[in-house]
Amino acid sequence: MRYRVPETVAYIDGPDMELGDVLFLTLLPHGRSVRLEGIGRQIWTMAAEGSDVMAEIGKMVEQPPDISAVDVAVFLRVLVDRGLLTEVK
């Protein structure tokens, strides 16, 4: 599954602003903000770039993608359900 950033999401990546490894996402126009750090930030960033998140996480943790697939899939579903990512079919 591939993802993209919806037009209703504004984001600031901490390293771009010298704020560390944190990502700030805001749903527009209501202004609800979410802060992601660590692996959550990495997963969102990979998905937003159109990467194969499962394969990339597998490489990061040096394990086959199916080992972490359930947890990553659940997290991605939460991001989609909250409007922070959109599935691309």
Protein backbone atom coordinates (compact mmCIF):
# COMPACT_ATOMS: atom_id res chain seq x y z
CA MET A 1 0.00 0.00 0.00
CA ARG A 2 1.21 3.50 -0.83
CA TYR A 3 0.26 6.75 0.88
CA ARG A 4 0.32 10.50 0.34
CA VAL A 5 -0.13 13.58 2.49
CA PRO A 6 -3.67 15.01 2.26
CA GLU A 7 -4.04 18.65 1.27
CA THR A 8 -5.56 19.29 4.69
CA VAL A 9 -2.32 18.44 6.53
CA ALA A 10 0.43 20.95 7.20
CA TYR A 11 3.67 19.68 8.67
CA ILE A 12 7.01 20.81 10.01
CA ASP A 13 9.87 18.36 10.27
CA GLY A 14 11.98 19.19 13.29
CA PRO A 15 15.39 18.71 11.66
CA ASP A 16 14.45 21.34 9.05
CA MET A 17 13.96 23.86 11.87
CA GLU A 18 16.76 22.60 14.17
CA LEU A 19 14.14 21.18 16.57
CA GLY A 20 15.46 17.62 16.69
CA ASP A 21 13.90 14.40 15.42
CA VAL A 22 10.29 15.42 15.88
CA LEU A 23 7.50 15.96 13.37
CA PHE A 24 4.57 18.32 13.88
CA LEU A 25 1.41 17.64 11.85
CA THR A 26 -1.60 19.95 11.85
CA LEU A 27 -5.03 19.19 10.40
CA LEU A 28 -6.42 22.20 8.62
CA PRO A 29 -8.59 24.19 9.03
CA HIS A 30 -9.31 23.11 12.59
CA GLY A 31 -5.73 23.25 13.84
CA ARG A 32 -5.63 19.93 15.65
CA SER A 33 -1.94 19.13 15.97
CA VAL A 34 -0.07 15.86 16.40
CA ARG A 35 3.55 15.38 17.39
CA LEU A 36 5.41 12.30 16.16
CA GLU A 37 8.83 11.19 17.33
CA GLY A 38 11.07 8.19 16.83
CA ILE A 39 9.73 5.37 14.73
CA GLY A 40 6.33 7.09 14.36
CA ARG A 41 8.03 10.06 12.68
CA GLN A 42 10.02 7.73 10.44
CA ILE A 43 6.95 5.73 9.39
CA TRP A 44 4.95 8.88 8.53
CA THR A 45 7.89 10.35 6.61
CA MET A 46 8.43 7.16 4.60
CA ALA A 47 4.72 6.93 3.81
CA ALA A 48 4.54 10.62 2.85
CA GLU A 49 7.46 10.12 0.44
CA GLY A 50 5.61 7.22 -1.23
CA SER A 51 8.05 4.57 0.00
CA ASP A 52 7.16 0.95 0.63
CA VAL A 53 6.95 1.42 4.39
CA MET A 54 6.91 -2.29 5.27
CA ALA A 55 10.08 -2.99 3.29
CA GLU A 56 11.86 0.11 4.61
CA ILE A 57 11.05 -0.70 8.24
CA GLY A 58 12.26 -4.25 7.67
CA LYS A 59 15.59 -2.87 6.45
CA MET A 60 15.83 -0.47 9.40
CA VAL A 61 15.32 -3.16 12.01
CA GLU A 62 17.25 -5.71 9.94
CA GLN A 63 14.42 -8.22 10.02
CA PRO A 64 12.00 -9.55 7.41
CA PRO A 65 9.12 -7.11 6.83
CA ASP A 66 6.51 -9.58 8.10
CA ILE A 67 7.95 -9.46 11.65
CA SER A 68 6.91 -5.83 12.21
CA ALA A 69 4.16 -5.73 9.58
CA VAL A 70 1.19 -5.97 11.95
CA ASP A 71 2.35 -3.14 14.21
CA VAL A 72 3.29 -0.91 11.28
CA ALA A 73 0.00 -1.65 9.49
CA VAL A 74 -1.98 -0.74 12.62
CA PHE A 75 -0.06 2.53 13.02
CA LEU A 76 -0.58 3.42 9.35
CA ARG A 77 -4.31 2.68 9.71
CA VAL A 78 -4.46 5.05 12.70
CA LEU A 79 -2.74 7.77 10.66
CA VAL A 80 -5.21 7.29 7.81
CA ASP A 81 -8.21 7.20 10.16
CA ARG A 82 -7.05 10.44 11.78
CA GLY A 83 -6.70 12.11 8.37
CA LEU A 84 -2.91 12.41 8.54
CA LEU A 85 -2.30 10.21 5.50
CA THR A 86 -4.37 9.10 2.52
CA GLU A 87 -4.11 5.70 0.86
CA VAL A 88 -3.14 5.74 -2.81
CA LYS A 89 -4.58 2.84 -4.77
